[in-house]
Amino acid sequence: MLIYLNREAREPWAGKTSIYSYIREQGEAIDGSLPDDEAYWAGSKLRWVAGGLDGSLGHHAAVSGELSDGARELVELLAKQSRKPSRRKRAVIYSKLMESNLIGQIDAVLEAVRKHPGMQPGPLFEEALWLAEHGAHRNVVKFGIALLGLYHNESVKELLLTLARHDEFTLYAVVAIRNGMEDSNDMLFELAQQVHGWGKIHIVERLEPSRQDIKDWLLRHGCQNSIMNEYLACICAQGGQLHEALSAAHVDDALFEGATDIVQALLSGGPAEDIDDYEHAPQVISDYLRLAREMASSAKHLSVVMDIQDFLSRDEETWAEREAAGWTEALRLSQLELCRSIAASAFWESRVIEAAESDGPDHGYGVHCARRLGIDIWDRLFAQLEADPLRYSHYSELMSTDDPERLRRLIRFAEEKLPLAQIAAGPAEELGMGPEYAAHRCLSSLLQNLGRHEGLGAGLIAAGLSSPVIPNRNLALAALEAWDIRFWGEALLERVRQLAAEEPDDSVKERIVKLMESRGI
């Protein structure tokens, strides 16, 4: 019995919940958590959203085709396990997978597995299935899924579909499904409607618009995700044939809403193809504005019309380059005038105010449109802040005023309502993520605007300099960099001297030294 217990203790999965069973038991309410979260993120200041690390590496980092020594060793261990399976070798493989992240080498590893002359396909499949089904650590499960992609895997469809519904594993499962199932595109379409973050991005990037219902879905729902719509906007516009759909005299509300998201993301640009990469941009913008003249009814719609107006108003040199893509001067000017006509309607004032006063996603659109239309909503926003002093975006919005009395009123409110004494707990190396740092984020919203108001908010700056959150200290220093030293006061001067001795972050410390030298301190 003692020997058995010792063997179990050496097995890193012993006594732990398998990730597959954890996801399956969550049903439809997958929340992004995993049973290995605490161990996986131990010692890390930043936790990535589910699938975020692999997604960012896959989209923004170079992928290596060379195998590391550790990867070669892993391939050899798999070959040995496939020839003569044992729990001891499985434990060694498992431990190596726990300690590594193979996203940068996964294709090369799989190719080495496929070509290895000593690899036994049948036992390897069983090993891959065991890792995916029983693994209690994410990297183990990912590798198991990836290995299953080397096989015809219809027999494990339920397993792959279950794991794919969690954004952390969608990429791996999607590749395995595409490689190993006859009806893979149908499976991807089904999955795309069940994930909302990085998983949705990975699926839509690989989904073939082979049927009209898929094209319709791409235009109405395909672009929206919880990461950045910009990743999928051009893909959905092209795959769903947005230019053809919007050319109709009338469209349904769902299509107009979906087109609104796509156009907004194309105009924003960012990590993927933008408006200048989309070959049908002139026609789509024209048709969208034609439809918006009758269908636009929300602050979001108006905000996108204003985004189009900004795009059309950019410098002349840019438009000379766009003429080859169909942007004639006559078309640009006519669409610019249509934007102005839509935005000038008296219809918008009440809609904009209603949106600005809301608590939902329309709030930001309402504030943006109010600013553009010259509608004064400062008192309305301040009343909302009085009801909830931790609405951090409101501080930034309210600080945008040039009225000194309003600024003083806001700063007095913040000094009374924010727990500045608790915030000023002393410098540390926190990034300020998570709900426990809500007040610190409010302070950041204030600090980032204090540089242009010399002498106002010295108490807020002092709290920022003593905050454990690095962005708080950086923003407080930025405000002091913008102020003449005459406005600092002795308390702030002493606090800067003290911080120079206490600061734990090297980059912030360097900034303090430069600030003191520039002020002759």
Protein backbone atom coordinates (compact mmCIF):
# COMPACT_ATOMS: atom_id res chain seq x y z
CA MET A 1 0.00 0.00 0.00
CA LEU A 2 2.82 2.41 0.84
CA ILE A 3 4.46 1.82 -2.53
CA TYR A 4 1.16 2.45 -4.31
CA LEU A 5 0.58 5.71 -2.45
CA ASN A 6 4.10 6.89 -3.23
CA ARG A 7 3.54 6.17 -6.90
CA GLU A 8 0.28 8.11 -6.84
CA ALA A 9 2.04 11.04 -5.19
CA ARG A 10 4.52 11.13 -8.06
CA GLU A 11 1.74 11.37 -10.63
CA PRO A 12 0.99 15.08 -11.14
CA TRP A 13 -2.65 14.50 -12.07
CA ALA A 14 -3.45 12.47 -8.95
CA GLY A 15 -6.29 13.87 -6.86
CA LYS A 16 -6.99 16.74 -9.30
CA THR A 17 -10.12 17.52 -11.30
CA SER A 18 -9.78 16.82 -14.99
CA ILE A 19 -10.32 19.89 -17.16
CA TYR A 20 -12.67 18.00 -19.47
CA SER A 21 -15.00 17.00 -16.63
CA TYR A 22 -14.81 20.55 -15.19
CA ILE A 23 -15.94 22.11 -18.49
CA ARG A 24 -18.61 19.47 -19.09
CA GLU A 25 -20.11 20.02 -15.64
CA GLN A 26 -20.34 23.77 -16.26
CA GLY A 27 -22.78 23.10 -19.09
CA GLU A 28 -23.72 26.26 -20.97
CA ALA A 29 -22.40 28.57 -18.23
CA ILE A 30 -18.69 28.40 -19.03
CA ASP A 31 -17.11 31.27 -17.12
CA GLY A 32 -13.51 31.14 -18.32
CA SER A 33 -12.12 29.63 -15.13
CA LEU A 34 -10.11 26.40 -14.99
CA PRO A 35 -9.24 24.11 -12.08
CA ASP A 36 -5.50 24.77 -12.51
CA ASP A 37 -5.82 28.59 -12.42
CA GLU A 38 -4.11 29.15 -9.09
CA ALA A 39 -1.16 26.91 -9.90
CA TYR A 40 -0.80 28.12 -13.48
CA TRP A 41 -0.83 31.84 -12.63
CA ALA A 42 1.13 31.56 -9.37
CA GLY A 43 3.74 34.31 -9.21
CA SER A 44 2.30 36.19 -12.19
CA LYS A 45 1.06 39.75 -11.75
CA LEU A 46 -1.13 39.52 -14.83
CA ARG A 47 -3.70 36.87 -15.69
CA TRP A 48 -4.63 36.59 -19.35
CA VAL A 49 -8.24 36.18 -20.36
CA ALA A 50 -9.09 32.63 -21.46
CA GLY A 51 -7.19 31.94 -24.67
CA GLY A 52 -5.51 35.34 -24.53
CA LEU A 53 -1.91 34.23 -24.26
CA ASP A 54 -2.11 31.75 -27.15
CA GLY A 55 -4.22 34.16 -29.19
CA SER A 56 -1.79 37.04 -28.77
CA LEU A 57 1.22 34.86 -29.51
CA GLY A 58 -0.47 33.40 -32.56
CA HIS A 59 -1.46 36.79 -33.96
CA HIS A 60 1.41 39.02 -32.91
CA ALA A 61 4.51 36.88 -32.35
CA ALA A 62 6.79 34.98 -34.68
CA VAL A 63 6.26 31.22 -34.63
CA SER A 64 9.42 29.15 -34.47
CA GLY A 65 9.86 26.19 -36.80
CA GLU A 66 12.86 24.87 -34.91
CA LEU A 67 12.54 22.28 -32.19
CA SER A 68 14.11 23.06 -28.84
CA ASP A 69 16.05 20.38 -27.00
CA GLY A 70 13.10 19.97 -24.64
CA ALA A 71 10.70 19.47 -27.55
CA ARG A 72 12.96 16.84 -29.12
CA GLU A 73 13.12 15.04 -25.79
CA LEU A 74 9.33 15.12 -25.56
CA VAL A 75 8.97 13.55 -29.02
CA GLU A 76 11.35 10.76 -28.05
CA LEU A 77 9.43 10.11 -24.84
CA LEU A 78 6.17 9.89 -26.80
CA ALA A 79 7.75 7.38 -29.15
CA LYS A 80 8.86 5.24 -26.22
CA GLN A 81 5.43 5.50 -24.60
CA SER A 82 3.75 4.48 -27.85
CA ARG A 83 5.96 1.38 -28.10
CA LYS A 84 5.64 0.29 -24.48
CA PRO A 85 3.06 2.33 -22.52
CA SER A 86 3.54 2.80 -18.78
CA ARG A 87 2.26 5.09 -16.07
CA ARG A 88 5.83 6.05 -15.20
CA LYS A 89 6.60 7.34 -18.71
CA ARG A 90 3.19 9.01 -18.84
CA ALA A 91 4.02 10.88 -15.62
CA VAL A 92 7.32 12.09 -17.09
CA ILE A 93 5.61 13.28 -20.29
CA TYR A 94 2.85 14.91 -18.27
CA SER A 95 5.34 16.78 -16.08
CA LYS A 96 7.24 18.08 -19.10
CA LEU A 97 4.02 19.33 -20.69
CA MET A 98 3.04 21.09 -17.46
CA GLU A 99 6.31 22.99 -17.43
CA SER A 100 6.29 24.17 -21.05
CA ASN A 101 4.17 26.20 -23.42
CA LEU A 102 4.49 24.73 -26.90
CA ILE A 103 2.37 27.26 -28.83
CA GLY A 104 5.44 28.62 -30.60
CA GLN A 105 6.56 25.13 -31.65
CA ILE A 106 3.40 23.06 -31.80
CA ASP A 107 3.37 22.60 -35.59
CA ALA A 108 7.02 21.56 -35.61
CA VAL A 109 6.46 19.15 -32.72
CA LEU A 110 3.48 17.53 -34.45
CA GLU A 111 5.45 17.19 -37.67
CA ALA A 112 8.29 15.52 -35.76
CA VAL A 113 5.78 13.16 -34.12
CA ARG A 114 4.26 12.30 -37.49
CA LYS A 115 7.64 11.55 -39.08
CA HIS A 116 9.26 9.69 -36.18
CA PRO A 117 10.05 6.17 -37.42
CA GLY A 118 9.49 4.57 -34.03
CA MET A 119 6.09 6.10 -33.29
CA GLN A 120 3.22 3.59 -32.98
CA PRO A 121 -0.01 5.28 -34.18
CA GLY A 122 -2.56 3.22 -32.22
CA PRO A 123 -1.05 3.58 -28.74
CA LEU A 124 -0.21 7.22 -29.47
CA PHE A 125 -3.88 7.92 -30.18
CA GLU A 126 -4.83 6.33 -26.86
CA GLU A 127 -2.21 8.44 -25.09
CA ALA A 128 -3.48 11.63 -26.78
CA LEU A 129 -7.04 10.76 -25.78
CA TRP A 130 -5.99 10.15 -22.18
CA LEU A 131 -4.15 13.50 -21.98
CA ALA A 132 -7.12 15.43 -23.41
CA GLU A 133 -9.75 13.63 -21.34
CA HIS A 134 -7.98 13.21 -18.00
CA GLY A 135 -5.45 16.06 -17.97
CA ALA A 136 -5.84 18.42 -15.02
CA HIS A 137 -3.43 21.04 -16.41
CA ARG A 138 -4.14 23.20 -19.47
CA ASN A 139 -0.90 22.63 -21.37
CA VAL A 140 -1.35 18.88 -21.06
CA VAL A 141 -4.89 19.04 -22.42
CA LYS A 142 -3.85 21.34 -25.27
CA PHE A 143 -1.15 18.94 -26.34
CA GLY A 144 -3.52 15.99 -26.16
CA ILE A 145 -6.00 17.81 -28.40
CA ALA A 146 -3.23 18.71 -30.84
CA LEU A 147 -2.15 15.07 -31.08
CA LEU A 148 -5.75 14.02 -31.76
CA GLY A 149 -5.62 16.34 -34.78
CA LEU A 150 -3.20 13.91 -36.40
CA TYR A 151 -6.00 11.31 -36.64
CA HIS A 152 -9.45 10.83 -38.04
CA ASN A 153 -11.19 11.73 -34.78
CA GLU A 154 -14.95 11.39 -35.32
CA SER A 155 -14.99 8.88 -32.46
CA VAL A 156 -14.01 11.60 -29.96
CA LYS A 157 -16.26 14.32 -31.36
CA GLU A 158 -18.06 14.95 -28.06
CA LEU A 159 -14.76 15.37 -26.23
CA LEU A 160 -13.40 17.88 -28.76
CA LEU A 161 -16.64 19.86 -28.97
CA THR A 162 -16.83 20.09 -25.18
CA LEU A 163 -13.26 21.31 -24.79
CA ALA A 164 -13.69 23.70 -27.74
CA ARG A 165 -16.45 25.60 -25.90
CA HIS A 166 -13.84 26.96 -23.49
CA ASP A 167 -11.85 29.78 -25.13
CA GLU A 168 -8.59 28.44 -23.68
CA PHE A 169 -8.85 25.32 -25.86
CA THR A 170 -10.86 26.44 -28.89
CA LEU A 171 -7.83 27.03 -31.11
CA TYR A 172 -6.44 23.54 -30.52
CA ALA A 173 -9.81 21.84 -30.87
CA VAL A 174 -10.67 23.73 -34.05
CA VAL A 175 -7.43 22.66 -35.73
CA ALA A 176 -8.03 19.06 -34.62
CA ILE A 177 -11.62 19.14 -35.90
CA ARG A 178 -10.59 20.57 -39.27
CA ASN A 179 -7.89 17.94 -39.67
CA GLY A 180 -9.88 14.96 -38.48
CA MET A 181 -13.61 15.29 -39.24
CA GLU A 182 -15.51 15.04 -42.52
CA ASP A 183 -18.14 17.62 -41.56
CA SER A 184 -15.64 19.96 -39.89
CA ASN A 185 -17.09 23.20 -41.28
CA ASP A 186 -20.53 22.38 -39.89
CA MET A 187 -18.91 21.67 -36.52
CA LEU A 188 -17.08 25.01 -36.61
CA PHE A 189 -20.28 26.86 -37.44
CA GLU A 190 -22.02 25.24 -34.49
CA LEU A 191 -19.12 26.11 -32.19
CA ALA A 192 -18.83 29.69 -33.41
CA GLN A 193 -22.23 30.42 -31.92
CA GLN A 194 -21.17 29.13 -28.47
CA VAL A 195 -17.95 31.09 -27.83
CA HIS A 196 -17.43 34.82 -27.55
CA GLY A 197 -13.76 35.58 -26.91
CA TRP A 198 -10.55 34.34 -28.49
CA GLY A 199 -12.31 31.11 -29.34
CA LYS A 200 -14.74 32.91 -31.62
CA ILE A 201 -11.88 34.75 -33.30
CA HIS A 202 -10.06 31.49 -34.04
CA ILE A 203 -13.20 29.85 -35.43
CA VAL A 204 -14.40 32.69 -37.65
CA GLU A 205 -10.90 33.03 -39.10
CA ARG A 206 -11.16 29.38 -40.21
CA LEU A 207 -14.88 29.15 -41.04
CA GLU A 208 -15.71 28.64 -44.73
CA PRO A 209 -18.74 30.73 -45.85
CA SER A 210 -19.95 27.80 -47.92
CA ARG A 211 -23.68 28.28 -47.34
CA GLN A 212 -26.01 31.27 -47.30
CA ASP A 213 -26.94 30.75 -43.63
CA ILE A 214 -23.24 31.00 -42.70
CA LYS A 215 -22.86 34.18 -44.75
CA ASP A 216 -25.96 35.65 -43.11
CA TRP A 217 -24.60 34.82 -39.65
CA LEU A 218 -21.19 36.35 -40.44
CA LEU A 219 -22.82 39.66 -41.32
CA ARG A 220 -25.27 39.75 -38.42
CA HIS A 221 -23.36 38.10 -35.57
CA GLY A 222 -19.92 36.99 -36.73
CA CYS A 223 -17.94 40.14 -35.99
CA GLN A 224 -18.96 40.74 -32.37
CA ASN A 225 -16.60 39.28 -29.80
CA SER A 226 -15.40 40.14 -26.31
CA ILE A 227 -11.78 40.81 -27.37
CA MET A 228 -11.76 43.20 -30.35
CA ASN A 229 -14.25 43.33 -33.21
CA GLU A 230 -11.38 44.60 -35.38
CA TYR A 231 -9.95 41.07 -35.59
CA LEU A 232 -13.00 39.82 -37.51
CA ALA A 233 -14.53 42.83 -39.28
CA CYS A 234 -12.85 42.42 -42.67
CA ILE A 235 -13.18 38.62 -42.58
CA CYS A 236 -16.93 38.89 -41.98
CA ALA A 237 -17.40 41.64 -44.58
CA GLN A 238 -15.62 39.58 -47.22
CA GLY A 239 -16.95 36.15 -46.28
CA GLY A 240 -20.53 37.36 -45.87
CA GLN A 241 -20.38 39.55 -48.99
CA LEU A 242 -21.44 42.69 -47.18
CA HIS A 243 -21.33 44.79 -50.33
CA GLU A 244 -24.04 42.64 -51.92
CA ALA A 245 -26.20 42.47 -48.80
CA LEU A 246 -26.20 46.26 -48.26
CA SER A 247 -26.96 47.02 -51.91
CA ALA A 248 -30.62 46.07 -51.36
CA ALA A 249 -33.18 48.87 -51.13
CA HIS A 250 -34.18 47.67 -47.67
CA VAL A 251 -32.44 45.43 -45.11
CA ASP A 252 -33.55 43.86 -41.84
CA ASP A 253 -32.61 45.40 -38.50
CA ALA A 254 -30.23 42.58 -37.62
CA LEU A 255 -28.22 43.12 -40.80
CA PHE A 256 -28.04 46.87 -40.19
CA GLU A 257 -26.83 46.28 -36.63
CA GLY A 258 -24.23 43.78 -37.79
CA ALA A 259 -23.08 46.13 -40.55
CA THR A 260 -22.77 48.88 -37.94
CA ASP A 261 -20.32 46.75 -35.94
CA ILE A 262 -18.35 45.78 -39.03
CA VAL A 263 -18.06 49.34 -40.39
CA GLN A 264 -17.12 50.70 -36.97
CA ALA A 265 -14.35 48.12 -36.58
CA LEU A 266 -13.06 48.63 -40.13
CA LEU A 267 -12.77 52.35 -39.46
CA SER A 268 -11.02 51.79 -36.14
CA GLY A 269 -8.28 49.69 -37.71
CA GLY A 270 -5.90 47.94 -35.37
CA PRO A 271 -4.55 44.40 -35.31
CA ALA A 272 -6.13 43.15 -38.56
CA GLU A 273 -7.28 44.38 -41.97
CA ASP A 274 -9.02 47.76 -41.88
CA ILE A 275 -11.08 49.97 -44.17
CA ASP A 276 -8.19 50.45 -46.62
CA ASP A 277 -7.76 46.68 -46.94
CA TYR A 278 -11.41 46.10 -47.81
CA GLU A 279 -11.90 46.23 -51.57
CA HIS A 280 -15.60 47.12 -51.40
CA ALA A 281 -15.23 49.96 -48.88
CA PRO A 282 -16.55 52.80 -51.11
CA GLN A 283 -19.74 50.90 -51.98
CA VAL A 284 -20.33 49.64 -48.43
CA ILE A 285 -19.85 53.08 -46.85
CA SER A 286 -22.20 54.63 -49.40
CA ASP A 287 -24.88 52.00 -48.92
CA TYR A 288 -24.54 52.08 -45.13
CA LEU A 289 -25.12 55.84 -45.08
CA ARG A 290 -28.04 55.51 -47.48
CA LEU A 291 -29.66 53.00 -45.14
CA ALA A 292 -28.67 54.97 -42.01
CA ARG A 293 -30.63 57.97 -43.23
CA GLU A 294 -33.79 55.97 -42.53
CA MET A 295 -32.68 53.28 -40.07
CA ALA A 296 -30.24 55.00 -37.70
CA SER A 297 -31.95 55.36 -34.34
CA SER A 298 -29.39 54.88 -31.56
CA ALA A 299 -26.39 56.76 -30.25
CA LYS A 300 -24.25 53.91 -31.52
CA HIS A 301 -25.55 54.41 -35.06
CA LEU A 302 -24.88 58.13 -34.83
CA SER A 303 -21.40 57.51 -33.45
CA VAL A 304 -20.55 55.33 -36.45
CA VAL A 305 -21.89 57.98 -38.84
CA MET A 306 -19.57 60.45 -37.09
CA ASP A 307 -16.69 57.98 -37.42
CA ILE A 308 -17.38 57.84 -41.16
CA GLN A 309 -17.44 61.64 -41.24
CA ASP A 310 -14.03 61.75 -39.55
CA PHE A 311 -12.69 59.20 -42.02
CA LEU A 312 -13.99 61.18 -44.99
CA SER A 313 -12.54 64.42 -43.58
CA ARG A 314 -8.92 63.27 -43.42
CA ASP A 315 -6.16 65.06 -45.33
CA GLU A 316 -6.20 65.34 -49.10
CA GLU A 317 -2.99 63.35 -49.69
CA THR A 318 -4.54 60.23 -48.21
CA TRP A 319 -7.52 60.47 -50.55
CA ALA A 320 -5.31 60.78 -53.61
CA GLU A 321 -3.91 57.36 -52.71
CA ARG A 322 -7.42 55.92 -52.22
CA GLU A 323 -8.73 57.05 -55.60
CA ALA A 324 -7.50 53.86 -57.26
CA ALA A 325 -9.74 51.90 -54.87
CA GLY A 326 -12.85 53.77 -56.07
CA TRP A 327 -12.86 56.74 -53.73
CA THR A 328 -13.48 59.52 -56.23
CA GLU A 329 -13.51 63.08 -54.95
CA ALA A 330 -17.17 63.46 -55.92
CA LEU A 331 -18.12 60.32 -53.96
CA ARG A 332 -16.16 61.38 -50.88
CA LEU A 333 -17.70 64.85 -50.79
CA SER A 334 -21.24 63.60 -51.36
CA GLN A 335 -20.93 61.06 -48.55
CA LEU A 336 -19.37 63.65 -46.27
CA GLU A 337 -22.37 65.90 -46.82
CA LEU A 338 -24.73 62.99 -46.09
CA CYS A 339 -22.96 62.37 -42.78
CA ARG A 340 -23.41 66.00 -41.79
CA SER A 341 -27.06 65.91 -42.80
CA ILE A 342 -27.79 62.82 -40.70
CA ALA A 343 -25.98 64.21 -37.64
CA ALA A 344 -27.74 67.58 -37.91
CA SER A 345 -31.20 66.14 -37.23
CA ALA A 346 -32.95 67.44 -34.11
CA PHE A 347 -33.99 63.84 -33.49
CA TRP A 348 -30.64 63.04 -31.89
CA GLU A 349 -30.51 65.23 -28.79
CA SER A 350 -32.95 63.24 -26.68
CA ARG A 351 -31.50 59.91 -27.87
CA VAL A 352 -27.96 61.01 -27.05
CA ILE A 353 -28.88 62.22 -23.56
CA GLU A 354 -30.81 59.02 -22.88
CA ALA A 355 -27.80 56.93 -23.92
CA ALA A 356 -25.36 59.01 -21.84
CA GLU A 357 -27.55 58.51 -18.76
CA SER A 358 -27.82 54.75 -19.29
CA ASP A 359 -25.74 52.12 -17.50
CA GLY A 360 -25.36 49.87 -20.51
CA PRO A 361 -23.06 49.74 -23.52
CA ASP A 362 -24.73 52.78 -25.10
CA HIS A 363 -23.36 55.05 -22.36
CA GLY A 364 -20.01 55.60 -24.07
CA TYR A 365 -21.67 56.28 -27.41
CA GLY A 366 -23.96 58.83 -25.76
CA VAL A 367 -21.04 60.67 -24.15
CA HIS A 368 -19.07 60.67 -27.40
CA CYS A 369 -21.99 61.97 -29.45
CA ALA A 370 -22.90 64.60 -26.84
CA ARG A 371 -19.37 65.97 -26.99
CA ARG A 372 -19.46 66.08 -30.80
CA LEU A 373 -22.88 67.74 -30.91
CA GLY A 374 -22.06 70.24 -28.16
CA ILE A 375 -24.71 68.90 -25.76
CA ASP A 376 -23.79 69.73 -22.15
CA ILE A 377 -24.27 66.58 -20.03
CA TRP A 378 -21.74 67.39 -17.29
CA ASP A 379 -24.31 67.77 -14.50
CA ARG A 380 -26.08 64.59 -15.56
CA LEU A 381 -22.85 62.60 -15.41
CA PHE A 382 -21.91 64.13 -12.08
CA ALA A 383 -25.28 63.08 -10.65
CA GLN A 384 -24.54 59.51 -11.77
CA LEU A 385 -21.13 59.67 -10.11
CA GLU A 386 -22.70 60.88 -6.86
CA ALA A 387 -24.86 57.75 -6.90
CA ASP A 388 -21.84 55.51 -7.57
CA PRO A 389 -18.42 57.09 -6.83
CA LEU A 390 -16.52 54.13 -8.33
CA ARG A 391 -17.61 54.69 -11.94
CA TYR A 392 -14.06 55.32 -13.09
CA SER A 393 -14.89 56.30 -16.69
CA HIS A 394 -17.00 59.17 -15.39
CA TYR A 395 -14.00 60.83 -13.78
CA SER A 396 -12.19 61.03 -17.10
CA GLU A 397 -15.32 62.28 -18.87
CA LEU A 398 -15.99 64.95 -16.23
CA MET A 399 -12.35 66.07 -16.16
CA SER A 400 -12.58 67.04 -19.83
CA THR A 401 -14.31 70.31 -18.91
CA ASP A 402 -12.53 73.69 -19.02
CA ASP A 403 -14.82 75.16 -16.37
CA PRO A 404 -12.60 75.71 -13.27
CA GLU A 405 -15.55 75.62 -10.86
CA ARG A 406 -16.69 72.27 -12.20
CA LEU A 407 -13.13 70.94 -11.91
CA ARG A 408 -12.85 72.04 -8.30
CA ARG A 409 -16.23 70.51 -7.55
CA LEU A 410 -15.17 67.18 -9.03
CA ILE A 411 -11.84 67.15 -7.22
CA ARG A 412 -13.49 67.96 -3.88
CA PHE A 413 -15.93 65.12 -4.48
CA ALA A 414 -13.11 62.67 -5.29
CA GLU A 415 -11.12 63.70 -2.22
CA GLU A 416 -14.19 63.09 -0.04
CA LYS A 417 -15.54 59.91 -1.64
CA LEU A 418 -12.50 57.93 -2.76
CA PRO A 419 -10.65 56.00 -0.02
CA LEU A 420 -7.41 57.92 -0.53
CA ALA A 421 -5.92 56.83 2.80
CA GLN A 422 -6.38 53.18 1.82
CA ILE A 423 -5.03 53.82 -1.68
CA ALA A 424 -1.88 55.44 -0.25
CA ALA A 425 -0.70 52.17 1.31
CA GLY A 426 2.86 52.58 0.05
CA PRO A 427 4.61 51.82 -3.24
CA ALA A 428 4.61 48.24 -4.51
CA GLU A 429 4.60 46.54 -7.90
CA GLU A 430 0.88 45.98 -8.44
CA LEU A 431 -0.68 46.54 -11.87
CA GLY A 432 -4.12 47.42 -10.48
CA MET A 433 -6.13 44.67 -12.18
CA GLY A 434 -9.22 43.15 -10.64
CA PRO A 435 -12.24 44.42 -8.71
CA GLU A 436 -10.23 45.15 -5.56
CA TYR A 437 -8.51 48.00 -7.43
CA ALA A 438 -11.65 49.83 -8.54
CA ALA A 439 -10.80 52.93 -6.49
CA HIS A 440 -7.24 52.94 -7.85
CA ARG A 441 -8.63 52.99 -11.41
CA CYS A 442 -10.81 55.96 -10.48
CA LEU A 443 -7.73 57.76 -9.22
CA SER A 444 -5.91 56.99 -12.49
CA SER A 445 -8.77 58.57 -14.45
CA LEU A 446 -8.31 61.75 -12.45
CA LEU A 447 -4.52 61.80 -12.45
CA GLN A 448 -4.19 61.44 -16.21
CA ASN A 449 -5.96 64.79 -16.63
CA LEU A 450 -4.39 66.80 -13.79
CA GLY A 451 -1.25 67.77 -15.72
CA ARG A 452 -3.08 70.60 -17.48
CA HIS A 453 -4.55 72.02 -14.26
CA GLU A 454 -1.63 73.31 -12.21
CA GLY A 455 -2.33 73.52 -8.50
CA LEU A 456 -5.54 71.46 -8.58
CA GLY A 457 -5.71 68.03 -6.99
CA ALA A 458 -2.48 68.01 -4.97
CA GLY A 459 -4.08 65.57 -2.52
CA LEU A 460 -4.92 63.19 -5.35
CA ILE A 461 -1.36 63.36 -6.65
CA ALA A 462 -0.01 62.66 -3.17
CA ALA A 463 -2.22 59.57 -2.90
CA GLY A 464 -1.08 58.44 -6.34
CA LEU A 465 2.58 58.75 -5.36
CA SER A 466 1.95 56.47 -2.36
CA SER A 467 -0.18 53.92 -4.20
CA PRO A 468 0.98 50.30 -4.56
CA VAL A 469 -0.28 50.43 -8.16
CA ILE A 470 2.44 51.34 -10.66
CA PRO A 471 0.11 53.16 -13.13
CA ASN A 472 -1.08 55.40 -10.25
CA ARG A 473 2.49 56.44 -9.47
CA ASN A 474 3.39 56.97 -13.12
CA LEU A 475 0.34 59.17 -13.70
CA ALA A 476 1.02 61.17 -10.53
CA LEU A 477 4.58 61.75 -11.74
CA ALA A 478 3.29 62.76 -15.18
CA ALA A 479 1.13 65.43 -13.55
CA LEU A 480 4.11 66.77 -11.59
CA GLU A 481 6.23 66.75 -14.76
CA ALA A 482 3.66 69.07 -16.33
CA TRP A 483 3.43 71.38 -13.29
CA ASP A 484 5.82 74.18 -12.46
CA ILE A 485 7.48 73.34 -9.13
CA ARG A 486 5.91 76.50 -7.65
CA PHE A 487 2.59 74.65 -7.57
CA TRP A 488 3.87 71.54 -5.85
CA GLY A 489 3.85 72.63 -2.26
CA GLU A 490 6.07 71.30 0.51
CA ALA A 491 3.98 68.16 1.11
CA LEU A 492 4.33 66.96 -2.49
CA LEU A 493 8.00 67.91 -2.58
CA GLU A 494 8.67 65.81 0.51
CA ARG A 495 6.60 62.93 -0.86
CA VAL A 496 8.70 62.87 -4.06
CA ARG A 497 11.92 62.76 -2.00
CA GLN A 498 10.51 59.90 0.07
CA LEU A 499 9.38 57.97 -3.01
CA ALA A 500 12.85 58.28 -4.54
CA ALA A 501 14.15 56.22 -1.61
CA GLU A 502 11.25 53.73 -1.47
CA GLU A 503 10.33 53.09 -5.12
CA PRO A 504 10.60 49.34 -5.92
CA ASP A 505 10.16 49.56 -9.71
CA ASP A 506 13.33 50.46 -11.62
CA SER A 507 11.60 52.32 -14.48
CA VAL A 508 9.53 54.43 -12.09
CA LYS A 509 12.60 55.12 -9.95
CA GLU A 510 14.48 56.33 -13.02
CA ARG A 511 11.58 58.64 -13.83
CA ILE A 512 11.65 60.10 -10.30
CA VAL A 513 15.38 60.76 -10.52
CA LYS A 514 14.98 62.58 -13.84
CA LEU A 515 12.10 64.65 -12.46
CA MET A 516 14.11 65.66 -9.40
CA GLU A 517 17.11 66.58 -11.52
CA SER A 518 14.98 68.68 -13.87
CA ARG A 519 13.53 70.60 -10.91
CA GLY A 520 16.84 70.98 -9.10
CA ILE A 521 15.73 68.89 -6.14
